[in-house]
PDB file of N, CA and C in Angstrom:
ATOM      1  N   UNK A   1     207.815-162.735 198.377  1.00  0.00           N
ATOM      2  CA  UNK A   1     206.959-161.382 198.230  1.00  0.00           C
ATOM      3  C   UNK A   1     208.245-160.570 197.688  1.00  0.00           C
ATOM      4  N   UNK A   2     207.433-159.682 196.786  1.00  0.00           N
ATOM      5  CA  UNK A   2     208.622-158.428 196.408  1.00  0.00           C
ATOM      6  C   UNK A   2     208.576-157.524 197.151  1.00  0.00           C
ATOM      7  N   UNK A   3     209.915-156.731 197.071  1.00  0.00           N
ATOM      8  CA  UNK A   3     210.058-155.549 197.989  1.00  0.00           C
ATOM      9  C   UNK A   3     209.989-154.258 197.332  1.00  0.00           C
ATOM     10  N   UNK A   4     209.083-153.256 198.219  1.00  0.00           N
ATOM     11  CA  UNK A   4     209.132-152.024 197.422  1.00  0.00           C
ATOM     12  C   UNK A   4     209.707-151.011 198.261  1.00  0.00           C
ATOM     13  N   UNK A   5     209.870-149.990 197.512  1.00  0.00           N
ATOM     14  CA  UNK A   5     210.479-148.759 198.175  1.00  0.00           C
ATOM     15  C   UNK A   5     209.482-147.773 198.156  1.00  0.00           C
ATOM     16  N   UNK A   6     208.715-146.638 199.219  1.00  0.00           N
ATOM     17  CA  UNK A   6     207.795-146.087 199.035  1.00  0.00           C
ATOM     18  C   UNK A   6     208.176-144.774 199.246  1.00  0.00           C
ATOM     19  N   UNK A   7     207.292-143.640 198.282  1.00  0.00           N
ATOM     20  CA  UNK A   7     207.689-142.296 198.306  1.00  0.00           C
ATOM     21  C   UNK A   7     206.607-141.891 197.680  1.00  0.00           C
ATOM     22  N   UNK A   8     206.545-140.482 197.873  1.00  0.00           N
ATOM     23  CA  UNK A   8     205.297-139.223 198.188  1.00  0.00           C
ATOM     24  C   UNK A   8     205.326-139.193 196.447  1.00  0.00           C
ATOM     25  N   UNK A   9     203.982-139.049 196.225  1.00  0.00           N
ATOM     26  CA  UNK A   9     203.532-139.108 194.771  1.00  0.00           C
ATOM     27  C   UNK A   9     202.826-137.329 194.709  1.00  0.00           C
ATOM     28  N   UNK A  10     203.303-136.895 193.835  1.00  0.00           N
ATOM     29  CA  UNK A  10     203.172-135.597 193.602  1.00  0.00           C
ATOM     30  C   UNK A  10     203.125-135.181 191.890  1.00  0.00           C
ATOM     31  N   UNK A  11     202.083-135.177 191.204  1.00  0.00           N
ATOM     32  CA  UNK A  11     201.842-135.101 189.758  1.00  0.00           C
ATOM     33  C   UNK A  11     201.230-133.925 189.820  1.00  0.00           C
ATOM     34  N   UNK A  12     201.073-133.351 188.173  1.00  0.00           N
ATOM     35  CA  UNK A  12     200.389-132.395 187.997  1.00  0.00           C
ATOM     36  C   UNK A  12     200.007-132.437 186.264  1.00  0.00           C
ATOM     37  N   UNK A  13     199.086-131.972 185.936  1.00  0.00           N
ATOM     38  CA  UNK A  13     198.440-132.204 184.440  1.00  0.00           C
ATOM     39  C   UNK A  13     197.957-130.978 184.040  1.00  0.00           C
ATOM     40  N   UNK A  14     197.977-130.608 182.778  1.00  0.00           N
ATOM     41  CA  UNK A  14     197.281-129.422 182.561  1.00  0.00           C
ATOM     42  C   UNK A  14     196.702-129.869 181.258  1.00  0.00           C
ATOM     43  N   UNK A  15     195.324-128.922 180.923  1.00  0.00           N
ATOM     44  CA  UNK A  15     194.865-128.959 179.740  1.00  0.00           C
ATOM     45  C   UNK A  15     193.994-127.890 179.018  1.00  0.00           C
ATOM     46  N   UNK A  16     193.964-127.123 177.662  1.00  0.00           N
ATOM     47  CA  UNK A  16     192.936-126.213 177.557  1.00  0.00           C
ATOM     48  C   UNK A  16     191.513-126.991 177.430  1.00  0.00           C
ATOM     49  N   UNK A  17     190.607-126.233 177.549  1.00  0.00           N
ATOM     50  CA  UNK A  17     189.556-126.849 177.511  1.00  0.00           C
ATOM     51  C   UNK A  17     188.788-126.482 176.151  1.00  0.00           C
ATOM     52  N   UNK A  18     188.404-127.389 175.194  1.00  0.00           N
ATOM     53  CA  UNK A  18     187.929-127.241 173.831  1.00  0.00           C
ATOM     54  C   UNK A  18     186.835-126.295 173.685  1.00  0.00           C
ATOM     55  N   UNK A  19     186.333-125.962 172.597  1.00  0.00           N
ATOM     56  CA  UNK A  19     185.296-125.100 172.141  1.00  0.00           C
ATOM     57  C   UNK A  19     183.670-125.671 173.182  1.00  0.00           C
ATOM     58  N   UNK A  20     183.806-127.028 173.624  1.00  0.00           N
ATOM     59  CA  UNK A  20     182.667-127.187 174.496  1.00  0.00           C
ATOM     60  C   UNK A  20     182.816-127.394 175.874  1.00  0.00           C
ATOM     61  N   UNK A  21     184.233-126.798 176.024  1.00  0.00           N
ATOM     62  CA  UNK A  21     184.392-126.726 177.526  1.00  0.00           C
ATOM     63  C   UNK A  21     185.058-127.935 177.948  1.00  0.00           C
ATOM     64  N   UNK A  22     185.558-128.994 177.413  1.00  0.00           N
ATOM     65  CA  UNK A  22     185.868-130.166 177.575  1.00  0.00           C
ATOM     66  C   UNK A  22     187.439-130.559 177.546  1.00  0.00           C
ATOM     67  N   UNK A  23     187.896-131.050 178.592  1.00  0.00           N
ATOM     68  CA  UNK A  23     189.256-131.453 178.307  1.00  0.00           C
ATOM     69  C   UNK A  23     189.726-133.088 179.176  1.00  0.00           C
ATOM     70  N   UNK A  24     190.776-133.669 178.919  1.00  0.00           N
ATOM     71  CA  UNK A  24     191.067-134.849 179.702  1.00  0.00           C
ATOM     72  C   UNK A  24     192.719-134.792 179.915  1.00  0.00           C
ATOM     73  N   UNK A  25     192.910-134.937 181.062  1.00  0.00           N
ATOM     74  CA  UNK A  25     194.198-134.833 181.896  1.00  0.00           C
ATOM     75  C   UNK A  25     194.407-136.696 182.161  1.00  0.00           C
ATOM     76  N   UNK A  26     195.829-137.363 181.395  1.00  0.00           N
ATOM     77  CA  UNK A  26     195.975-138.476 181.628  1.00  0.00           C
ATOM     78  C   UNK A  26     197.079-138.552 182.703  1.00  0.00           C
ATOM     79  N   UNK A  27     197.129-139.723 183.787  1.00  0.00           N
ATOM     80  CA  UNK A  27     197.897-139.812 184.680  1.00  0.00           C
ATOM     81  C   UNK A  27     198.429-141.096 184.617  1.00  0.00           C
ATOM     82  N   UNK A  28     199.967-141.759 184.463  1.00  0.00           N
ATOM     83  CA  UNK A  28     199.899-142.942 184.307  1.00  0.00           C
ATOM     84  C   UNK A  28     201.502-143.335 185.078  1.00  0.00           C
ATOM     85  N   UNK A  29     201.413-144.570 185.822  1.00  0.00           N
ATOM     86  CA  UNK A  29     202.719-144.786 186.347  1.00  0.00           C
ATOM     87  C   UNK A  29     203.997-145.018 185.357  1.00  0.00           C
ATOM     88  N   UNK A  30     205.207-144.885 185.700  1.00  0.00           N
ATOM     89  CA  UNK A  30     206.206-144.452 184.830  1.00  0.00           C
ATOM     90  C   UNK A  30     206.959-146.031 184.288  1.00  0.00           C
ATOM     91  N   UNK A  31     206.682-147.270 185.013  1.00  0.00           N
ATOM     92  CA  UNK A  31     207.217-148.345 184.297  1.00  0.00           C
ATOM     93  C   UNK A  31     206.449-149.538 185.184  1.00  0.00           C
ATOM     94  N   UNK A  32     206.568-150.681 184.650  1.00  0.00           N
ATOM     95  CA  UNK A  32     205.554-151.502 185.352  1.00  0.00           C
ATOM     96  C   UNK A  32     206.381-152.466 186.551  1.00  0.00           C
ATOM     97  N   UNK A  33     207.186-151.469 187.113  1.00  0.00           N
ATOM     98  CA  UNK A  33     207.459-151.789 188.542  1.00  0.00           C
ATOM     99  C   UNK A  33     206.812-150.836 189.583  1.00  0.00           C
ATOM    100  N   UNK A  34     205.839-150.226 188.735  1.00  0.00           N
ATOM    101  CA  UNK A  34     205.626-149.024 189.966  1.00  0.00           C
ATOM    102  C   UNK A  34     204.066-149.085 189.951  1.00  0.00           C
ATOM    103  N   UNK A  35     203.505-148.540 190.858  1.00  0.00           N
ATOM    104  CA  UNK A  35     202.099-148.263 191.368  1.00  0.00           C
ATOM    105  C   UNK A  35     202.048-147.010 192.388  1.00  0.00           C
ATOM    106  N   UNK A  36     200.715-146.851 192.291  1.00  0.00           N
ATOM    107  CA  UNK A  36     200.335-145.423 192.588  1.00  0.00           C
ATOM    108  C   UNK A  36     199.207-145.655 193.803  1.00  0.00           C
ATOM    109  N   UNK A  37     199.093-145.195 195.092  1.00  0.00           N
ATOM    110  CA  UNK A  37     197.807-145.032 195.507  1.00  0.00           C
ATOM    111  C   UNK A  37     197.806-143.833 195.763  1.00  0.00           C
ATOM    112  N   UNK A  38     196.757-143.165 194.604  1.00  0.00           N
ATOM    113  CA  UNK A  38     196.278-141.688 194.936  1.00  0.00           C
ATOM    114  C   UNK A  38     195.368-141.413 196.081  1.00  0.00           C
ATOM    115  N   UNK A  39     195.535-140.464 196.933  1.00  0.00           N
ATOM    116  CA  UNK A  39     194.586-140.175 197.818  1.00  0.00           C
ATOM    117  C   UNK A  39     194.068-139.036 197.791  1.00  0.00           C
ATOM    118  N   UNK A  40     194.288-138.072 196.981  1.00  0.00           N
ATOM    119  CA  UNK A  40     193.409-136.724 196.698  1.00  0.00           C
ATOM    120  C   UNK A  40     194.219-136.286 195.122  1.00  0.00           C
ATOM    121  N   UNK A  41     193.069-135.274 194.719  1.00  0.00           N
ATOM    122  CA  UNK A  41     193.184-134.504 193.439  1.00  0.00           C
ATOM    123  C   UNK A  41     192.975-133.384 193.843  1.00  0.00           C
ATOM    124  N   UNK A  42     193.619-132.461 193.225  1.00  0.00           N
ATOM    125  CA  UNK A  42     193.306-131.067 193.590  1.00  0.00           C
ATOM    126  C   UNK A  42     192.737-130.746 192.236  1.00  0.00           C
ATOM    127  N   UNK A  43     191.772-129.816 191.772  1.00  0.00           N
ATOM    128  CA  UNK A  43     191.640-129.301 190.396  1.00  0.00           C
ATOM    129  C   UNK A  43     191.057-127.970 190.400  1.00  0.00           C
ATOM    130  N   UNK A  44     191.724-127.376 189.394  1.00  0.00           N
ATOM    131  CA  UNK A  44     191.346-125.940 189.337  1.00  0.00           C
ATOM    132  C   UNK A  44     191.108-125.495 188.037  1.00  0.00           C
ATOM    133  N   UNK A  45     190.825-124.254 187.459  1.00  0.00           N
ATOM    134  CA  UNK A  45     191.014-123.912 185.969  1.00  0.00           C
ATOM    135  C   UNK A  45     191.142-121.923 186.445  1.00  0.00           C
ATOM    136  N   UNK A  46     191.711-121.503 184.934  1.00  0.00           N
ATOM    137  CA  UNK A  46     192.192-120.311 184.946  1.00  0.00           C
ATOM    138  C   UNK A  46     190.880-119.026 184.776  1.00  0.00           C
ATOM    139  N   UNK A  47     189.673-119.974 184.975  1.00  0.00           N
ATOM    140  CA  UNK A  47     188.776-118.860 185.117  1.00  0.00           C
ATOM    141  C   UNK A  47     188.380-118.346 186.468  1.00  0.00           C
ATOM    142  N   UNK A  48     188.067-116.986 186.503  1.00  0.00           N
ATOM    143  CA  UNK A  48     187.739-116.333 187.615  1.00  0.00           C
ATOM    144  C   UNK A  48     187.037-117.356 188.485  1.00  0.00           C
ATOM    145  N   UNK A  49     186.823-116.734 189.762  1.00  0.00           N
ATOM    146  CA  UNK A  49     186.223-117.452 191.097  1.00  0.00           C
ATOM    147  C   UNK A  49     184.289-117.740 190.700  1.00  0.00           C
ATOM    148  N   UNK A  50     184.412-116.248 190.292  1.00  0.00           N
ATOM    149  CA  UNK A  50     182.697-115.934 190.098  1.00  0.00           C
ATOM    150  C   UNK A  50     182.551-116.116 188.292  1.00  0.00           C
ATOM    151  N   UNK A  51     183.043-116.717 187.642  1.00  0.00           N
ATOM    152  CA  UNK A  51     182.715-116.817 186.306  1.00  0.00           C
ATOM    153  C   UNK A  51     182.201-118.435 186.075  1.00  0.00           C
ATOM    154  N   UNK A  52     181.326-118.056 185.384  1.00  0.00           N
ATOM    155  CA  UNK A  52     180.093-119.431 185.250  1.00  0.00           C
ATOM    156  C   UNK A  52     180.268-119.682 183.933  1.00  0.00           C
ATOM    157  N   UNK A  53     180.210-121.078 183.425  1.00  0.00           N
ATOM    158  CA  UNK A  53     179.678-121.990 184.235  1.00  0.00           C
ATOM    159  C   UNK A  53     180.914-122.407 184.818  1.00  0.00           C
ATOM    160  N   UNK A  54     180.623-123.176 185.529  1.00  0.00           N
ATOM    161  CA  UNK A  54     181.925-124.098 186.414  1.00  0.00           C
ATOM    162  C   UNK A  54     181.904-125.403 186.160  1.00  0.00           C
ATOM    163  N   UNK A  55     182.871-125.889 185.374  1.00  0.00           N
ATOM    164  CA  UNK A  55     183.102-127.242 185.268  1.00  0.00           C
ATOM    165  C   UNK A  55     183.156-128.590 185.916  1.00  0.00           C
ATOM    166  N   UNK A  56     182.754-129.314 185.740  1.00  0.00           N
ATOM    167  CA  UNK A  56     182.606-130.663 186.690  1.00  0.00           C
ATOM    168  C   UNK A  56     183.866-131.046 185.893  1.00  0.00           C
ATOM    169  N   UNK A  57     184.501-131.798 186.960  1.00  0.00           N
ATOM    170  CA  UNK A  57     185.566-132.686 187.189  1.00  0.00           C
ATOM    171  C   UNK A  57     185.729-134.158 187.622  1.00  0.00           C
ATOM    172  N   UNK A  58     185.238-135.003 186.558  1.00  0.00           N
ATOM    173  CA  UNK A  58     185.418-136.551 187.359  1.00  0.00           C
ATOM    174  C   UNK A  58     186.860-137.191 187.024  1.00  0.00           C
ATOM    175  N   UNK A  59     186.598-138.295 187.905  1.00  0.00           N
ATOM    176  CA  UNK A  59     187.695-139.168 187.862  1.00  0.00           C
ATOM    177  C   UNK A  59     187.649-140.488 187.559  1.00  0.00           C
ATOM    178  N   UNK A  60     188.381-140.762 186.393  1.00  0.00           N
ATOM    179  CA  UNK A  60     188.034-142.311 186.243  1.00  0.00           C
ATOM    180  C   UNK A  60     189.416-142.924 186.302  1.00  0.00           C
ATOM    181  N   UNK A  61     189.079-144.743 186.512  1.00  0.00           N
ATOM    182  CA  UNK A  61     190.609-145.502 186.483  1.00  0.00           C
ATOM    183  C   UNK A  61     190.196-146.508 185.651  1.00  0.00           C
ATOM    184  N   UNK A  62     191.162-146.223 184.483  1.00  0.00           N
ATOM    185  CA  UNK A  62     190.927-147.353 183.784  1.00  0.00           C
ATOM    186  C   UNK A  62     190.533-146.579 182.155  1.00  0.00           C
ATOM    187  N   UNK A  63     189.289-146.579 182.166  1.00  0.00           N
ATOM    188  CA  UNK A  63     188.751-145.908 180.681  1.00  0.00           C
ATOM    189  C   UNK A  63     187.700-145.006 181.441  1.00  0.00           C
ATOM    190  N   UNK A  64     187.385-143.954 180.101  1.00  0.00           N
ATOM    191  CA  UNK A  64     186.168-143.016 180.597  1.00  0.00           C
ATOM    192  C   UNK A  64     184.871-143.663 180.197  1.00  0.00           C
ATOM    193  N   UNK A  65     184.490-144.100 181.263  1.00  0.00           N
ATOM    194  CA  UNK A  65     183.108-144.769 181.254  1.00  0.00           C
ATOM    195  C   UNK A  65     182.464-145.114 182.762  1.00  0.00           C
ATOM    196  N   UNK A  66     181.178-144.813 182.794  1.00  0.00           N
ATOM    197  CA  UNK A  66     180.520-144.889 183.935  1.00  0.00           C
ATOM    198  C   UNK A  66     180.923-145.750 185.407  1.00  0.00           C
ATOM    199  N   UNK A  67     181.209-146.859 184.566  1.00  0.00           N
ATOM    200  CA  UNK A  67     181.588-148.264 185.360  1.00  0.00           C
ATOM    201  C   UNK A  67     183.038-147.871 186.192  1.00  0.00           C
ATOM    202  N   UNK A  68     183.723-147.297 185.390  1.00  0.00           N
ATOM    203  CA  UNK A  68     185.439-146.875 186.133  1.00  0.00           C
ATOM    204  C   UNK A  68     185.444-145.189 186.494  1.00  0.00           C
ATOM    205  N   UNK A  69     184.468-144.698 186.832  1.00  0.00           N
ATOM    206  CA  UNK A  69     184.315-143.448 187.449  1.00  0.00           C
ATOM    207  C   UNK A  69     184.612-143.805 188.744  1.00  0.00           C
ATOM    208  N   UNK A  70     185.178-142.888 189.249  1.00  0.00           N
ATOM    209  CA  UNK A  70     186.019-143.085 190.952  1.00  0.00           C
ATOM    210  C   UNK A  70     185.180-141.546 191.739  1.00  0.00           C
ATOM    211  N   UNK A  71     184.346-140.959 190.866  1.00  0.00           N
ATOM    212  CA  UNK A  71     183.610-139.726 191.779  1.00  0.00           C
ATOM    213  C   UNK A  71     184.018-138.563 190.849  1.00  0.00           C
ATOM    214  N   UNK A  72     183.470-137.441 191.494  1.00  0.00           N
ATOM    215  CA  UNK A  72     183.622-136.240 190.674  1.00  0.00           C
ATOM    216  C   UNK A  72     183.297-134.940 191.821  1.00  0.00           C
ATOM    217  N   UNK A  73     183.738-133.956 191.166  1.00  0.00           N
ATOM    218  CA  UNK A  73     183.359-132.788 192.028  1.00  0.00           C
ATOM    219  C   UNK A  73     182.580-131.586 191.221  1.00  0.00           C
ATOM    220  N   UNK A  74     181.398-130.956 191.410  1.00  0.00           N
ATOM    221  CA  UNK A  74     180.756-130.286 190.591  1.00  0.00           C
ATOM    222  C   UNK A  74     180.966-128.805 190.321  1.00  0.00           C
ATOM    223  N   UNK A  75     182.176-128.277 191.224  1.00  0.00           N
ATOM    224  CA  UNK A  75     182.909-127.311 190.948  1.00  0.00           C
ATOM    225  C   UNK A  75     184.240-127.347 190.872  1.00  0.00           C
ATOM    226  N   UNK A  76     184.767-127.601 189.274  1.00  0.00           N
ATOM    227  CA  UNK A  76     185.822-128.192 188.778  1.00  0.00           C
ATOM    228  C   UNK A  76     186.850-126.879 188.724  1.00  0.00           C
ATOM    229  N   UNK A  77     186.510-125.434 189.012  1.00  0.00           N
ATOM    230  CA  UNK A  77     187.264-124.971 189.035  1.00  0.00           C
ATOM    231  C   UNK A  77     188.166-124.666 190.256  1.00  0.00           C
ATOM    232  N   UNK A  78     187.800-125.008 191.259  1.00  0.00           N
ATOM    233  CA  UNK A  78     188.582-125.035 192.495  1.00  0.00           C
ATOM    234  C   UNK A  78     188.085-125.827 193.501  1.00  0.00           C
ATOM    235  N   UNK A  79     188.384-127.210 193.426  1.00  0.00           N
ATOM    236  CA  UNK A  79     188.328-127.948 194.369  1.00  0.00           C
ATOM    237  C   UNK A  79     189.049-129.337 194.674  1.00  0.00           C
ATOM    238  N   UNK A  80     188.893-130.144 195.636  1.00  0.00           N
ATOM    239  CA  UNK A  80     189.645-131.455 195.902  1.00  0.00           C
ATOM    240  C   UNK A  80     188.757-132.611 195.828  1.00  0.00           C
ATOM    241  N   UNK A  81     189.230-133.709 195.051  1.00  0.00           N
ATOM    242  CA  UNK A  81     188.587-134.877 195.339  1.00  0.00           C
ATOM    243  C   UNK A  81     189.375-135.769 196.062  1.00  0.00           C
ATOM    244  N   UNK A  82     188.550-136.443 197.454  1.00  0.00           N
ATOM    245  CA  UNK A  82     189.175-137.248 198.264  1.00  0.00           C
ATOM    246  C   UNK A  82     188.780-138.653 197.899  1.00  0.00           C
ATOM    247  N   UNK A  83     189.592-139.618 197.868  1.00  0.00           N
ATOM    248  CA  UNK A  83     189.147-140.937 197.807  1.00  0.00           C
ATOM    249  C   UNK A  83     190.300-141.683 197.009  1.00  0.00           C
ATOM    250  N   UNK A  84     190.276-142.896 197.711  1.00  0.00           N
ATOM    251  CA  UNK A  84     191.664-143.697 196.708  1.00  0.00           C
ATOM    252  C   UNK A  84     191.386-144.176 195.644  1.00  0.00           C
ATOM    253  N   UNK A  85     192.182-144.192 194.871  1.00  0.00           N
ATOM    254  CA  UNK A  85     192.328-144.572 193.471  1.00  0.00           C
ATOM    255  C   UNK A  85     193.757-145.240 193.317  1.00  0.00           C
ATOM    256  N   UNK A  86     193.507-146.496 192.927  1.00  0.00           N
ATOM    257  CA  UNK A  86     194.894-147.434 192.396  1.00  0.00           C
ATOM    258  C   UNK A  86     194.710-147.125 191.099  1.00  0.00           C
ATOM    259  N   UNK A  87     196.637-146.909 190.783  1.00  0.00           N
ATOM    260  CA  UNK A  87     196.990-146.554 189.471  1.00  0.00           C
ATOM    261  C   UNK A  87     198.292-147.442 189.174  1.00  0.00           C
ATOM    262  N   UNK A  88     198.139-148.737 188.118  1.00  0.00           N
ATOM    263  CA  UNK A  88     199.364-149.555 188.129  1.00  0.00           C
ATOM    264  C   UNK A  88     199.595-149.590 186.502  1.00  0.00           C
ATOM    265  N   UNK A  89     200.356-150.534 186.187  1.00  0.00           N
ATOM    266  CA  UNK A  89     200.670-150.526 184.830  1.00  0.00           C
ATOM    267  C   UNK A  89     199.429-150.983 183.860  1.00  0.00           C
ATOM    268  N   UNK A  90     199.147-150.142 182.963  1.00  0.00           N
ATOM    269  CA  UNK A  90     198.023-150.644 182.539  1.00  0.00           C
ATOM    270  C   UNK A  90     196.950-150.037 182.888  1.00  0.00           C
ATOM    271  N   UNK A  91     196.366-149.161 184.072  1.00  0.00           N
ATOM    272  CA  UNK A  91     195.482-148.637 184.332  1.00  0.00           C
ATOM    273  C   UNK A  91     195.995-146.874 184.432  1.00  0.00           C
ATOM    274  N   UNK A  92     195.524-146.353 183.489  1.00  0.00           N
ATOM    275  CA  UNK A  92     195.544-144.693 183.916  1.00  0.00           C
ATOM    276  C   UNK A  92     194.462-144.507 184.367  1.00  0.00           C
ATOM    277  N   UNK A  93     194.943-143.172 185.137  1.00  0.00           N
ATOM    278  CA  UNK A  93     193.775-142.075 185.791  1.00  0.00           C
ATOM    279  C   UNK A  93     193.717-141.048 184.851  1.00  0.00           C
ATOM    280  N   UNK A  94     192.576-140.845 184.907  1.00  0.00           N
ATOM    281  CA  UNK A  94     191.951-139.861 183.732  1.00  0.00           C
ATOM    282  C   UNK A  94     191.134-138.886 184.348  1.00  0.00           C
ATOM    283  N   UNK A  95     191.209-137.509 184.241  1.00  0.00           N
ATOM    284  CA  UNK A  95     190.851-136.011 185.116  1.00  0.00           C
ATOM    285  C   UNK A  95     190.174-135.933 183.556  1.00  0.00           C
ATOM    286  N   UNK A  96     188.726-136.065 183.862  1.00  0.00           N
ATOM    287  CA  UNK A  96     187.984-135.388 182.497  1.00  0.00           C
ATOM    288  C   UNK A  96     187.296-134.278 183.225  1.00  0.00           C
ATOM    289  N   UNK A  97     187.469-132.688 182.493  1.00  0.00           N
ATOM    290  CA  UNK A  97     186.435-131.475 182.738  1.00  0.00           C
ATOM    291  C   UNK A  97     185.806-131.589 181.702  1.00  0.00           C
ATOM    292  N   UNK A  98     184.295-130.893 182.093  1.00  0.00           N
ATOM    293  CA  UNK A  98     183.389-130.933 181.515  1.00  0.00           C
ATOM    294  C   UNK A  98     182.123-129.789 181.760  1.00  0.00           C
ATOM    295  N   UNK A  99     181.757-129.271 180.766  1.00  0.00           N
ATOM    296  CA  UNK A  99     181.056-128.082 180.971  1.00  0.00           C
ATOM    297  C   UNK A  99     181.647-126.849 181.661  1.00  0.00           C
ATOM    298  N   UNK A 100     182.872-126.433 181.139  1.00  0.00           N
ATOM    299  CA  UNK A 100     183.724-125.090 181.483  1.00  0.00           C
ATOM    300  C   UNK A 100     183.337-124.094 180.468  1.00  0.00           C
ATOM    301  N   UNK A 101     184.670-123.376 180.516  1.00  0.00           N
ATOM    302  CA  UNK A 101     184.397-122.318 179.775  1.00  0.00           C
ATOM    303  C   UNK A 101     185.658-122.566 178.707  1.00  0.00           C
ATOM    304  N   UNK A 102     185.504-122.629 177.328  1.00  0.00           N
ATOM    305  CA  UNK A 102     186.355-122.721 176.478  1.00  0.00           C
ATOM    306  C   UNK A 102     187.485-121.715 176.414  1.00  0.00           C
ATOM    307  N   UNK A 103     188.490-122.430 176.064  1.00  0.00           N
ATOM    308  CA  UNK A 103     189.901-121.534 176.332  1.00  0.00           C
ATOM    309  C   UNK A 103     190.502-121.731 177.264  1.00  0.00           C
ATOM    310  N   UNK A 104     189.742-121.917 178.774  1.00  0.00           N
ATOM    311  CA  UNK A 104     190.485-121.897 179.598  1.00  0.00           C
ATOM    312  C   UNK A 104     191.200-123.142 180.265  1.00  0.00           C
ATOM    313  N   UNK A 105     192.621-123.092 181.253  1.00  0.00           N
ATOM    314  CA  UNK A 105     193.484-123.653 181.269  1.00  0.00           C
ATOM    315  C   UNK A 105     192.847-125.198 182.454  1.00  0.00           C
ATOM    316  N   UNK A 106     192.425-126.037 182.275  1.00  0.00           N
ATOM    317  CA  UNK A 106     192.180-126.760 183.403  1.00  0.00           C
ATOM    318  C   UNK A 106     193.504-127.652 184.415  1.00  0.00           C
ATOM    319  N   UNK A 107     193.468-127.481 185.091  1.00  0.00           N
ATOM    320  CA  UNK A 107     194.886-128.279 186.222  1.00  0.00           C
ATOM    321  C   UNK A 107     194.642-129.152 187.088  1.00  0.00           C
ATOM    322  N   UNK A 108     195.279-130.297 187.246  1.00  0.00           N
ATOM    323  CA  UNK A 108     194.927-131.472 188.209  1.00  0.00           C
ATOM    324  C   UNK A 108     195.975-131.709 188.665  1.00  0.00           C
ATOM    325  N   UNK A 109     196.137-132.019 190.116  1.00  0.00           N
ATOM    326  CA  UNK A 109     197.258-132.058 190.977  1.00  0.00           C
ATOM    327  C   UNK A 109     197.280-133.625 191.894  1.00  0.00           C
ATOM    328  N   UNK A 110     197.805-134.554 191.664  1.00  0.00           N
ATOM    329  CA  UNK A 110     197.451-135.730 191.961  1.00  0.00           C
ATOM    330  C   UNK A 110     198.591-135.982 193.108  1.00  0.00           C
ATOM    331  N   UNK A 111     198.296-136.518 194.742  1.00  0.00           N
ATOM    332  CA  UNK A 111     199.038-136.642 195.647  1.00  0.00           C
ATOM    333  C   UNK A 111     198.459-137.990 196.052  1.00  0.00           C
ATOM    334  N   UNK A 112     199.788-138.788 197.140  1.00  0.00           N
ATOM    335  CA  UNK A 112     199.441-139.949 197.365  1.00  0.00           C
ATOM    336  C   UNK A 112     200.909-140.513 197.541  1.00  0.00           C
ATOM    337  N   UNK A 113     200.363-141.809 197.509  1.00  0.00           N
ATOM    338  CA  UNK A 113     202.254-142.609 197.666  1.00  0.00           C
ATOM    339  C   UNK A 113     202.510-143.470 196.178  1.00  0.00           C
ATOM    340  N   UNK A 114     203.788-143.274 195.852  1.00  0.00           N
ATOM    341  CA  UNK A 114     204.309-143.935 194.725  1.00  0.00           C
ATOM    342  C   UNK A 114     205.263-145.112 195.459  1.00  0.00           C
ATOM    343  N   UNK A 115     204.448-146.402 194.945  1.00  0.00           N
ATOM    344  CA  UNK A 115     205.731-147.671 195.164  1.00  0.00           C
ATOM    345  C   UNK A 115     206.599-148.533 194.386  1.00  0.00           C
ATOM    346  N   UNK A 116     207.727-148.498 194.261  1.00  0.00           N
ATOM    347  CA  UNK A 116     208.605-149.040 193.096  1.00  0.00           C
ATOM    348  C   UNK A 116     208.908-150.300 193.837  1.00  0.00           C
ATOM    349  N   UNK A 117     208.541-151.829 192.900  1.00  0.00           N
ATOM    350  CA  UNK A 117     209.349-152.471 193.235  1.00  0.00           C
ATOM    351  C   UNK A 117     210.732-152.756 193.065  1.00  0.00           C
ATOM    352  N   UNK A 118     211.430-153.327 194.010  1.00  0.00           N
ATOM    353  CA  UNK A 118     212.793-153.154 193.346  1.00  0.00           C
ATOM    354  C   UNK A 118     213.317-155.043 193.455  1.00  0.00           C
ATOM    355  N   UNK A 119     212.659-156.007 193.948  1.00  0.00           N
ATOM    356  CA  UNK A 119     212.929-156.931 193.918  1.00  0.00           C
ATOM    357  C   UNK A 119     211.723-158.054 193.662  1.00  0.00           C
TER     358      UNK A 119
END
């Protein structure tokens, strides 16, 4: 059985929403020896809290398709997605913002555990 070293996972990414208020942020493990157990994803945008429309932020594991959806938040301008998402070599986690305000910056911060196989 392989031996793993465990550490805290804290990764972030951002995207500027396009003219339709859409943007994608991809998260991937750093190498084939690593896997992540994501516990939560904090999402926010640069828009004011009272400025609408609020974007939807949806979490996908693998590909952007309904069958790979892990859940969503309907207030993607400031919210937290909770739920475990497993990410390993070959499985990206994608955060998709849609229906937001064009030109705003969307940010996603990922928290959980990082496992690195050492033998």
